[in-house]
All heavy atoms as atom14 arrays in JSON, in Angstrom:
{
  "sequence": "AIEINGPVTVHDIVVYPGDLIVADDSGFCAVPYELVDTVLEQAIAI",
  "atom14_mask": [
    [1, 1, 1, 1, 1, 0, 0, 0, 0, 0, 0, 0, 0, 0],
    [1, 1, 1, 1, 1, 1, 1, 1, 0, 0, 0, 0, 0, 0],
    [1, 1, 1, 1, 1, 1, 1, 1, 1, 0, 0, 0, 0, 0],
    [1, 1, 1, 1, 1, 1, 1, 1, 0, 0, 0, 0, 0, 0],
    [1, 1, 1, 1, 1, 1, 1, 1, 0, 0, 0, 0, 0, 0],
    [1, 1, 1, 1, 0, 0, 0, 0, 0, 0, 0, 0, 0, 0],
    [1, 1, 1, 1, 1, 1, 1, 0, 0, 0, 0, 0, 0, 0],
    [1, 1, 1, 1, 1, 1, 1, 0, 0, 0, 0, 0, 0, 0],
    [1, 1, 1, 1, 1, 1, 1, 0, 0, 0, 0, 0, 0, 0],
    [1, 1, 1, 1, 1, 1, 1, 0, 0, 0, 0, 0, 0, 0],
    [1, 1, 1, 1, 1, 1, 1, 1, 1, 1, 0, 0, 0, 0],
    [1, 1, 1, 1, 1, 1, 1, 1, 0, 0, 0, 0, 0, 0],
    [1, 1, 1, 1, 1, 1, 1, 1, 0, 0, 0, 0, 0, 0],
    [1, 1, 1, 1, 1, 1, 1, 0, 0, 0, 0, 0, 0, 0],
    [1, 1, 1, 1, 1, 1, 1, 0, 0, 0, 0, 0, 0, 0],
    [1, 1, 1, 1, 1, 1, 1, 1, 1, 1, 1, 1, 0, 0],
    [1, 1, 1, 1, 1, 1, 1, 0, 0, 0, 0, 0, 0, 0],
    [1, 1, 1, 1, 0, 0, 0, 0, 0, 0, 0, 0, 0, 0],
    [1, 1, 1, 1, 1, 1, 1, 1, 0, 0, 0, 0, 0, 0],
    [1, 1, 1, 1, 1, 1, 1, 1, 0, 0, 0, 0, 0, 0],
    [1, 1, 1, 1, 1, 1, 1, 1, 0, 0, 0, 0, 0, 0],
    [1, 1, 1, 1, 1, 1, 1, 0, 0, 0, 0, 0, 0, 0],
    [1, 1, 1, 1, 1, 0, 0, 0, 0, 0, 0, 0, 0, 0],
    [1, 1, 1, 1, 1, 1, 1, 1, 0, 0, 0, 0, 0, 0],
    [1, 1, 1, 1, 1, 1, 1, 1, 0, 0, 0, 0, 0, 0],
    [1, 1, 1, 1, 1, 1, 0, 0, 0, 0, 0, 0, 0, 0],
    [1, 1, 1, 1, 0, 0, 0, 0, 0, 0, 0, 0, 0, 0],
    [1, 1, 1, 1, 1, 1, 1, 1, 1, 1, 1, 0, 0, 0],
    [1, 1, 1, 1, 1, 1, 0, 0, 0, 0, 0, 0, 0, 0],
    [1, 1, 1, 1, 1, 0, 0, 0, 0, 0, 0, 0, 0, 0],
    [1, 1, 1, 1, 1, 1, 1, 0, 0, 0, 0, 0, 0, 0],
    [1, 1, 1, 1, 1, 1, 1, 0, 0, 0, 0, 0, 0, 0],
    [1, 1, 1, 1, 1, 1, 1, 1, 1, 1, 1, 1, 0, 0],
    [1, 1, 1, 1, 1, 1, 1, 1, 1, 0, 0, 0, 0, 0],
    [1, 1, 1, 1, 1, 1, 1, 1, 0, 0, 0, 0, 0, 0],
    [1, 1, 1, 1, 1, 1, 1, 0, 0, 0, 0, 0, 0, 0],
    [1, 1, 1, 1, 1, 1, 1, 1, 0, 0, 0, 0, 0, 0],
    [1, 1, 1, 1, 1, 1, 1, 0, 0, 0, 0, 0, 0, 0],
    [1, 1, 1, 1, 1, 1, 1, 0, 0, 0, 0, 0, 0, 0],
    [1, 1, 1, 1, 1, 1, 1, 1, 0, 0, 0, 0, 0, 0],
    [1, 1, 1, 1, 1, 1, 1, 1, 1, 0, 0, 0, 0, 0],
    [1, 1, 1, 1, 1, 1, 1, 1, 1, 0, 0, 0, 0, 0],
    [1, 1, 1, 1, 1, 0, 0, 0, 0, 0, 0, 0, 0, 0],
    [1, 1, 1, 1, 1, 1, 1, 1, 0, 0, 0, 0, 0, 0],
    [1, 1, 1, 1, 1, 0, 0, 0, 0, 0, 0, 0, 0, 0],
    [1, 1, 1, 1, 1, 1, 1, 1, 0, 0, 0, 0, 0, 0]
  ],
  "atom14_positions": [
    [[22.37, -27.75, -1.9], [22.16, -29.01, -1.18], [23.3, -29.19, -0.19], [24.46, -29.29, -0.58], [22.1, -30.18, -2.15], [0.0, 0.0, 0.0], [0.0, 0.0, 0.0], [0.0, 0.0, 0.0], [0.0, 0.0, 0.0], [0.0, 0.0, 0.0], [0.0, 0.0, 0.0], [0.0, 0.0, 0.0], [0.0, 0.0, 0.0], [0.0, 0.0, 0.0]],
    [[22.97, -29.23, 1.1], [24.02, -29.26, 2.12], [24.14, -30.64, 2.77], [25.18, -30.98, 3.33], [23.78, -28.17, 3.18], [25.07, -27.85, 3.95], [22.65, -28.54, 4.12], [26.12, -27.17, 3.12], [0.0, 0.0, 0.0], [0.0, 0.0, 0.0], [0.0, 0.0, 0.0], [0.0, 0.0, 0.0], [0.0, 0.0, 0.0], [0.0, 0.0, 0.0]],
    [[23.07, -31.45, 2.73], [23.14, -32.77, 3.35], [22.09, -33.7, 2.73], [20.94, -33.31, 2.53], [22.93, -32.69, 4.85], [23.16, -34.01, 5.58], [23.1, -33.86, 7.09], [21.98, -33.76, 7.64], [24.17, -33.82, 7.71], [0.0, 0.0, 0.0], [0.0, 0.0, 0.0], [0.0, 0.0, 0.0], [0.0, 0.0, 0.0], [0.0, 0.0, 0.0]],
    [[22.5, -34.92, 2.46], [21.6, -35.96, 1.96], [21.53, -37.09, 2.98], [22.55, -37.54, 3.5], [22.09, -36.51, 0.6], [21.9, -35.45, -0.49], [21.36, -37.8, 0.22], [22.44, -35.86, -1.85], [0.0, 0.0, 0.0], [0.0, 0.0, 0.0], [0.0, 0.0, 0.0], [0.0, 0.0, 0.0], [0.0, 0.0, 0.0], [0.0, 0.0, 0.0]],
    [[20.32, -37.5, 3.26], [20.04, -38.61, 4.18], [20.56, -38.38, 5.6], [21.1, -39.27, 6.26], [20.54, -39.94, 3.61], [19.67, -40.43, 2.47], [18.5, -40.11, 2.4], [20.25, -41.21, 1.57], [0.0, 0.0, 0.0], [0.0, 0.0, 0.0], [0.0, 0.0, 0.0], [0.0, 0.0, 0.0], [0.0, 0.0, 0.0], [0.0, 0.0, 0.0]],
    [[20.34, -37.16, 6.06], [20.44, -36.83, 7.48], [19.05, -36.44, 7.95], [18.1, -36.43, 7.16], [0.0, 0.0, 0.0], [0.0, 0.0, 0.0], [0.0, 0.0, 0.0], [0.0, 0.0, 0.0], [0.0, 0.0, 0.0], [0.0, 0.0, 0.0], [0.0, 0.0, 0.0], [0.0, 0.0, 0.0], [0.0, 0.0, 0.0], [0.0, 0.0, 0.0]],
    [[18.88, -36.09, 9.21], [17.57, -35.65, 9.69], [17.19, -34.31, 9.08], [18.06, -33.45, 8.87], [17.76, -35.55, 11.2], [19.23, -35.4, 11.4], [19.89, -36.14, 10.29], [0.0, 0.0, 0.0], [0.0, 0.0, 0.0], [0.0, 0.0, 0.0], [0.0, 0.0, 0.0], [0.0, 0.0, 0.0], [0.0, 0.0, 0.0], [0.0, 0.0, 0.0]],
    [[15.91, -34.13, 8.77], [15.41, -32.86, 8.24], [14.19, -32.43, 9.05], [13.56, -33.24, 9.73], [15.04, -32.95, 6.74], [16.27, -33.23, 5.91], [13.95, -34.0, 6.51], [0.0, 0.0, 0.0], [0.0, 0.0, 0.0], [0.0, 0.0, 0.0], [0.0, 0.0, 0.0], [0.0, 0.0, 0.0], [0.0, 0.0, 0.0], [0.0, 0.0, 0.0]],
    [[13.86, -31.15, 8.93], [12.68, -30.61, 9.6], [11.63, -30.25, 8.55], [11.96, -29.61, 7.54], [13.03, -29.35, 10.41], [14.05, -29.67, 11.35], [11.81, -28.83, 11.16], [0.0, 0.0, 0.0], [0.0, 0.0, 0.0], [0.0, 0.0, 0.0], [0.0, 0.0, 0.0], [0.0, 0.0, 0.0], [0.0, 0.0, 0.0], [0.0, 0.0, 0.0]],
    [[10.39, -30.65, 8.8], [9.28, -30.25, 7.95], [8.21, -29.67, 8.87], [7.68, -30.37, 9.73], [8.7, -31.43, 7.15], [7.57, -30.95, 6.25], [9.79, -32.1, 6.32], [0.0, 0.0, 0.0], [0.0, 0.0, 0.0], [0.0, 0.0, 0.0], [0.0, 0.0, 0.0], [0.0, 0.0, 0.0], [0.0, 0.0, 0.0], [0.0, 0.0, 0.0]],
    [[7.94, -28.38, 8.7], [7.07, -27.63, 9.59], [7.62, -27.76, 11.02], [8.62, -27.15, 11.34], [5.61, -28.09, 9.47], [4.66, -27.24, 10.26], [4.6, -25.87, 10.11], [3.76, -27.55, 11.22], [3.71, -25.38, 10.94], [3.18, -26.37, 11.64], [0.0, 0.0, 0.0], [0.0, 0.0, 0.0], [0.0, 0.0, 0.0], [0.0, 0.0, 0.0]],
    [[6.98, -28.61, 11.87], [7.46, -28.7, 13.25], [7.83, -30.13, 13.66], [7.88, -30.44, 14.85], [6.43, -28.12, 14.22], [5.11, -28.88, 14.19], [4.93, -29.75, 13.31], [4.24, -28.61, 15.06], [0.0, 0.0, 0.0], [0.0, 0.0, 0.0], [0.0, 0.0, 0.0], [0.0, 0.0, 0.0], [0.0, 0.0, 0.0], [0.0, 0.0, 0.0]],
    [[8.08, -31.01, 12.67], [8.51, -32.37, 13.02], [9.85, -32.69, 12.37], [10.26, -32.04, 11.4], [7.46, -33.43, 12.61], [7.44, -33.62, 11.09], [6.08, -33.08, 13.15], [6.69, -34.86, 10.64], [0.0, 0.0, 0.0], [0.0, 0.0, 0.0], [0.0, 0.0, 0.0], [0.0, 0.0, 0.0], [0.0, 0.0, 0.0], [0.0, 0.0, 0.0]],
    [[10.52, -33.69, 12.92], [11.78, -34.18, 12.36], [11.51, -35.47, 11.6], [10.77, -36.34, 12.08], [12.81, -34.43, 13.48], [14.1, -35.0, 12.89], [13.11, -33.14, 14.23], [0.0, 0.0, 0.0], [0.0, 0.0, 0.0], [0.0, 0.0, 0.0], [0.0, 0.0, 0.0], [0.0, 0.0, 0.0], [0.0, 0.0, 0.0], [0.0, 0.0, 0.0]],
    [[12.1, -35.57, 10.42], [12.01, -36.79, 9.62], [13.41, -37.35, 9.44], [14.34, -36.61, 9.09], [11.37, -36.51, 8.24], [11.32, -37.79, 7.41], [9.98, -35.91, 8.4], [0.0, 0.0, 0.0], [0.0, 0.0, 0.0], [0.0, 0.0, 0.0], [0.0, 0.0, 0.0], [0.0, 0.0, 0.0], [0.0, 0.0, 0.0], [0.0, 0.0, 0.0]],
    [[13.55, -38.65, 9.68], [14.83, -39.34, 9.51], [14.78, -40.24, 8.28], [13.71, -40.81, 7.98], [15.15, -40.19, 10.74], [15.42, -39.39, 11.99], [14.39, -39.01, 12.85], [16.73, -39.01, 12.33], [14.64, -38.26, 13.99], [16.99, -38.26, 13.47], [15.94, -37.9, 14.3], [16.19, -37.16, 15.43], [0.0, 0.0, 0.0], [0.0, 0.0, 0.0]],
    [[15.9, -40.4, 7.58], [15.91, -41.36, 6.48], [15.57, -42.75, 7.01], [16.06, -43.15, 8.06], [17.35, -41.3, 5.96], [18.16, -40.72, 7.08], [17.23, -39.8, 7.81], [0.0, 0.0, 0.0], [0.0, 0.0, 0.0], [0.0, 0.0, 0.0], [0.0, 0.0, 0.0], [0.0, 0.0, 0.0], [0.0, 0.0, 0.0], [0.0, 0.0, 0.0]],
    [[14.69, -43.44, 6.3], [14.24, -44.75, 6.76], [12.87, -44.72, 7.41], [12.2, -45.75, 7.53], [0.0, 0.0, 0.0], [0.0, 0.0, 0.0], [0.0, 0.0, 0.0], [0.0, 0.0, 0.0], [0.0, 0.0, 0.0], [0.0, 0.0, 0.0], [0.0, 0.0, 0.0], [0.0, 0.0, 0.0], [0.0, 0.0, 0.0], [0.0, 0.0, 0.0]],
    [[12.41, -43.53, 7.84], [11.04, -43.41, 8.35], [10.06, -43.81, 7.26], [10.33, -43.63, 6.06], [10.73, -41.96, 8.74], [11.36, -41.53, 10.05], [11.94, -42.38, 10.75], [11.27, -40.33, 10.38], [0.0, 0.0, 0.0], [0.0, 0.0, 0.0], [0.0, 0.0, 0.0], [0.0, 0.0, 0.0], [0.0, 0.0, 0.0], [0.0, 0.0, 0.0]],
    [[8.91, -44.3, 7.67], [7.83, -44.54, 6.71], [7.02, -43.25, 6.59], [6.54, -42.72, 7.59], [6.92, -45.68, 7.17], [5.65, -45.87, 6.31], [6.02, -46.36, 4.92], [4.67, -46.82, 6.98], [0.0, 0.0, 0.0], [0.0, 0.0, 0.0], [0.0, 0.0, 0.0], [0.0, 0.0, 0.0], [0.0, 0.0, 0.0], [0.0, 0.0, 0.0]],
    [[6.88, -42.76, 5.36], [6.05, -41.6, 5.09], [4.7, -42.07, 4.56], [4.64, -42.86, 3.61], [6.7, -40.67, 4.05], [8.07, -40.17, 4.55], [5.78, -39.5, 3.73], [8.01, -39.32, 5.79], [0.0, 0.0, 0.0], [0.0, 0.0, 0.0], [0.0, 0.0, 0.0], [0.0, 0.0, 0.0], [0.0, 0.0, 0.0], [0.0, 0.0, 0.0]],
    [[3.62, -41.63, 5.19], [2.28, -41.86, 4.65], [1.64, -40.5, 4.47], [1.79, -39.6, 5.31], [1.42, -42.77, 5.56], [2.05, -44.15, 5.66], [1.22, -42.18, 6.94], [0.0, 0.0, 0.0], [0.0, 0.0, 0.0], [0.0, 0.0, 0.0], [0.0, 0.0, 0.0], [0.0, 0.0, 0.0], [0.0, 0.0, 0.0], [0.0, 0.0, 0.0]],
    [[0.91, -40.31, 3.36], [0.33, -39.0, 3.08], [-0.97, -39.16, 2.31], [-1.13, -40.08, 1.51], [1.31, -38.14, 2.28], [0.0, 0.0, 0.0], [0.0, 0.0, 0.0], [0.0, 0.0, 0.0], [0.0, 0.0, 0.0], [0.0, 0.0, 0.0], [0.0, 0.0, 0.0], [0.0, 0.0, 0.0], [0.0, 0.0, 0.0], [0.0, 0.0, 0.0]],
    [[-1.9, -38.24, 2.58], [-3.16, -38.18, 1.84], [-3.65, -36.74, 1.87], [-2.87, -35.82, 2.17], [-4.19, -39.17, 2.4], [-4.5, -38.97, 3.88], [-4.26, -37.84, 4.4], [-4.97, -39.91, 4.54], [0.0, 0.0, 0.0], [0.0, 0.0, 0.0], [0.0, 0.0, 0.0], [0.0, 0.0, 0.0], [0.0, 0.0, 0.0], [0.0, 0.0, 0.0]],
    [[-4.91, -36.52, 1.57], [-5.42, -35.15, 1.48], [-5.37, -34.4, 2.81], [-5.42, -33.16, 2.83], [-6.86, -35.15, 0.96], [-6.94, -35.45, -0.53], [-5.89, -35.41, -1.19], [-8.04, -35.73, -1.02], [0.0, 0.0, 0.0], [0.0, 0.0, 0.0], [0.0, 0.0, 0.0], [0.0, 0.0, 0.0], [0.0, 0.0, 0.0], [0.0, 0.0, 0.0]],
    [[-5.28, -35.12, 3.92], [-5.28, -34.47, 5.24], [-3.91, -34.01, 5.68], [-3.79, -33.2, 6.6], [-5.87, -35.41, 6.29], [-7.21, -35.72, 6.01], [0.0, 0.0, 0.0], [0.0, 0.0, 0.0], [0.0, 0.0, 0.0], [0.0, 0.0, 0.0], [0.0, 0.0, 0.0], [0.0, 0.0, 0.0], [0.0, 0.0, 0.0], [0.0, 0.0, 0.0]],
    [[-2.84, -34.53, 5.07], [-1.49, -34.19, 5.48], [-0.58, -35.39, 5.35], [-0.8, -36.28, 4.52], [0.0, 0.0, 0.0], [0.0, 0.0, 0.0], [0.0, 0.0, 0.0], [0.0, 0.0, 0.0], [0.0, 0.0, 0.0], [0.0, 0.0, 0.0], [0.0, 0.0, 0.0], [0.0, 0.0, 0.0], [0.0, 0.0, 0.0], [0.0, 0.0, 0.0]],
    [[0.48, -35.44, 6.17], [1.38, -36.59, 6.12], [1.9, -36.94, 7.51], [1.88, -36.1, 8.42], [2.55, -36.35, 5.15], [3.71, -35.57, 5.72], [4.79, -36.21, 6.3], [3.71, -34.18, 5.68], [5.85, -35.5, 6.83], [4.77, -33.46, 6.2], [5.85, -34.13, 6.78], [0.0, 0.0, 0.0], [0.0, 0.0, 0.0], [0.0, 0.0, 0.0]],
    [[2.33, -38.19, 7.66], [2.91, -38.68, 8.91], [4.26, -39.33, 8.61], [4.47, -39.91, 7.54], [2.02, -39.73, 9.57], [0.33, -39.22, 9.9], [0.0, 0.0, 0.0], [0.0, 0.0, 0.0], [0.0, 0.0, 0.0], [0.0, 0.0, 0.0], [0.0, 0.0, 0.0], [0.0, 0.0, 0.0], [0.0, 0.0, 0.0], [0.0, 0.0, 0.0]],
    [[5.17, -39.22, 9.58], [6.46, -39.92, 9.52], [6.5, -40.93, 10.65], [6.51, -40.55, 11.83], [7.61, -38.93, 9.64], [0.0, 0.0, 0.0], [0.0, 0.0, 0.0], [0.0, 0.0, 0.0], [0.0, 0.0, 0.0], [0.0, 0.0, 0.0], [0.0, 0.0, 0.0], [0.0, 0.0, 0.0], [0.0, 0.0, 0.0], [0.0, 0.0, 0.0]],
    [[6.48, -42.21, 10.31], [6.49, -43.29, 11.29], [7.91, -43.8, 11.47], [8.54, -44.22, 10.48], [5.58, -44.46, 10.84], [5.56, -45.55, 11.9], [4.17, -43.96, 10.52], [0.0, 0.0, 0.0], [0.0, 0.0, 0.0], [0.0, 0.0, 0.0], [0.0, 0.0, 0.0], [0.0, 0.0, 0.0], [0.0, 0.0, 0.0], [0.0, 0.0, 0.0]],
    [[8.48, -43.75, 12.67], [9.83, -44.29, 12.86], [9.93, -45.73, 12.37], [9.0, -46.52, 12.58], [10.03, -44.2, 14.39], [9.12, -43.1, 14.82], [7.92, -43.19, 13.91], [0.0, 0.0, 0.0], [0.0, 0.0, 0.0], [0.0, 0.0, 0.0], [0.0, 0.0, 0.0], [0.0, 0.0, 0.0], [0.0, 0.0, 0.0], [0.0, 0.0, 0.0]],
    [[11.03, -46.05, 11.74], [11.18, -47.37, 11.11], [10.91, -48.51, 12.09], [10.23, -49.49, 11.74], [12.6, -47.5, 10.54], [12.84, -48.82, 9.84], [12.42, -49.02, 8.53], [13.48, -49.87, 10.5], [12.64, -50.23, 7.89], [13.69, -51.08, 9.86], [13.28, -51.26, 8.55], [13.49, -52.47, 7.94], [0.0, 0.0, 0.0], [0.0, 0.0, 0.0]],
    [[11.37, -48.37, 13.33], [11.24, -49.45, 14.3], [9.79, -49.65, 14.77], [9.47, -50.67, 15.38], [12.15, -49.22, 15.5], [11.83, -47.99, 16.33], [12.49, -46.72, 15.82], [13.0, -46.72, 14.67], [12.48, -45.72, 16.57], [0.0, 0.0, 0.0], [0.0, 0.0, 0.0], [0.0, 0.0, 0.0], [0.0, 0.0, 0.0], [0.0, 0.0, 0.0]],
    [[8.9, -48.69, 14.45], [7.5, -48.8, 14.87], [6.56, -49.13, 13.71], [5.34, -49.22, 13.92], [7.05, -47.49, 15.52], [7.63, -47.16, 16.89], [7.12, -45.8, 17.36], [7.26, -48.24, 17.91], [0.0, 0.0, 0.0], [0.0, 0.0, 0.0], [0.0, 0.0, 0.0], [0.0, 0.0, 0.0], [0.0, 0.0, 0.0], [0.0, 0.0, 0.0]],
    [[7.08, -49.31, 12.52], [6.23, -49.47, 11.34], [5.26, -50.64, 11.49], [4.05, -50.5, 11.23], [7.1, -49.64, 10.07], [6.26, -50.14, 8.89], [7.76, -48.32, 9.71], [0.0, 0.0, 0.0], [0.0, 0.0, 0.0], [0.0, 0.0, 0.0], [0.0, 0.0, 0.0], [0.0, 0.0, 0.0], [0.0, 0.0, 0.0], [0.0, 0.0, 0.0]],
    [[5.74, -51.8, 11.91], [4.87, -52.98, 12.03], [3.86, -52.82, 13.16], [2.69, -53.19, 13.03], [5.7, -54.24, 12.23], [6.5, -54.62, 10.99], [6.09, -54.22, 9.88], [7.54, -55.3, 11.13], [0.0, 0.0, 0.0], [0.0, 0.0, 0.0], [0.0, 0.0, 0.0], [0.0, 0.0, 0.0], [0.0, 0.0, 0.0], [0.0, 0.0, 0.0]],
    [[4.3, -52.26, 14.27], [3.42, -52.07, 15.43], [2.29, -51.1, 15.1], [1.12, -51.33, 15.42], [4.22, -51.56, 16.64], [5.25, -52.48, 16.93], [3.32, -51.39, 17.85], [0.0, 0.0, 0.0], [0.0, 0.0, 0.0], [0.0, 0.0, 0.0], [0.0, 0.0, 0.0], [0.0, 0.0, 0.0], [0.0, 0.0, 0.0], [0.0, 0.0, 0.0]],
    [[2.64, -49.99, 14.46], [1.63, -49.0, 14.08], [0.63, -49.61, 13.1], [-0.59, -49.39, 13.23], [2.3, -47.74, 13.49], [1.25, -46.81, 12.87], [3.09, -47.0, 14.56], [0.0, 0.0, 0.0], [0.0, 0.0, 0.0], [0.0, 0.0, 0.0], [0.0, 0.0, 0.0], [0.0, 0.0, 0.0], [0.0, 0.0, 0.0], [0.0, 0.0, 0.0]],
    [[1.11, -50.38, 12.16], [0.21, -51.01, 11.18], [-0.75, -51.97, 11.87], [-1.96, -51.95, 11.59], [1.03, -51.76, 10.12], [0.21, -52.53, 9.09], [-0.71, -51.59, 8.31], [1.13, -53.3, 8.15], [0.0, 0.0, 0.0], [0.0, 0.0, 0.0], [0.0, 0.0, 0.0], [0.0, 0.0, 0.0], [0.0, 0.0, 0.0], [0.0, 0.0, 0.0]],
    [[-0.24, -52.77, 12.77], [-1.08, -53.72, 13.49], [-2.2, -53.0, 14.24], [-3.37, -53.41, 14.2], [-0.22, -54.54, 14.46], [-0.96, -55.59, 15.26], [-0.06, -56.32, 16.23], [1.17, -56.34, 16.01], [-0.6, -56.88, 17.21], [0.0, 0.0, 0.0], [0.0, 0.0, 0.0], [0.0, 0.0, 0.0], [0.0, 0.0, 0.0], [0.0, 0.0, 0.0]],
    [[-1.85, -51.92, 14.92], [-2.84, -51.16, 15.67], [-3.83, -50.46, 14.73], [-5.03, -50.38, 15.02], [-2.16, -50.14, 16.58], [-1.38, -50.78, 17.72], [-0.91, -49.77, 18.75], [-1.4, -48.64, 18.8], [0.04, -50.17, 19.58], [0.0, 0.0, 0.0], [0.0, 0.0, 0.0], [0.0, 0.0, 0.0], [0.0, 0.0, 0.0], [0.0, 0.0, 0.0]],
    [[-3.34, -49.96, 13.61], [-4.21, -49.28, 12.66], [-5.26, -50.22, 12.09], [-6.44, -49.85, 11.95], [-3.38, -48.67, 11.53], [0.0, 0.0, 0.0], [0.0, 0.0, 0.0], [0.0, 0.0, 0.0], [0.0, 0.0, 0.0], [0.0, 0.0, 0.0], [0.0, 0.0, 0.0], [0.0, 0.0, 0.0], [0.0, 0.0, 0.0], [0.0, 0.0, 0.0]],
    [[-4.86, -51.43, 11.77], [-5.8, -52.42, 11.23], [-6.86, -52.75, 12.28], [-8.07, -52.83, 11.97], [-5.06, -53.68, 10.77], [-4.21, -53.37, 9.53], [-6.04, -54.82, 10.48], [-3.28, -54.48, 9.11], [0.0, 0.0, 0.0], [0.0, 0.0, 0.0], [0.0, 0.0, 0.0], [0.0, 0.0, 0.0], [0.0, 0.0, 0.0], [0.0, 0.0, 0.0]],
    [[-6.44, -52.91, 13.53], [-7.39, -53.21, 14.62], [-8.38, -52.07, 14.81], [-9.58, -52.28, 15.0], [-6.64, -53.48, 15.92], [0.0, 0.0, 0.0], [0.0, 0.0, 0.0], [0.0, 0.0, 0.0], [0.0, 0.0, 0.0], [0.0, 0.0, 0.0], [0.0, 0.0, 0.0], [0.0, 0.0, 0.0], [0.0, 0.0, 0.0], [0.0, 0.0, 0.0]],
    [[-7.88, -50.83, 14.76], [-8.76, -49.66, 14.92], [-9.77, -49.58, 13.79], [-10.96, -49.34, 14.0], [-7.92, -48.36, 14.99], [-7.2, -48.26, 16.34], [-8.79, -47.12, 14.76], [-6.18, -47.15, 16.41], [0.0, 0.0, 0.0], [0.0, 0.0, 0.0], [0.0, 0.0, 0.0], [0.0, 0.0, 0.0], [0.0, 0.0, 0.0], [0.0, 0.0, 0.0]]
  ]
}
């Protein structure tokens, strides 16, 4: 273990501590913390 709570790479994306992780059978998404409410609002509308 070389670093805890720094940025990491998963496949071809970067995940930062504090991002919202959502996952299901199709895969997973990392939502930047500052966009969590905005993304949710748009998702509900869609």
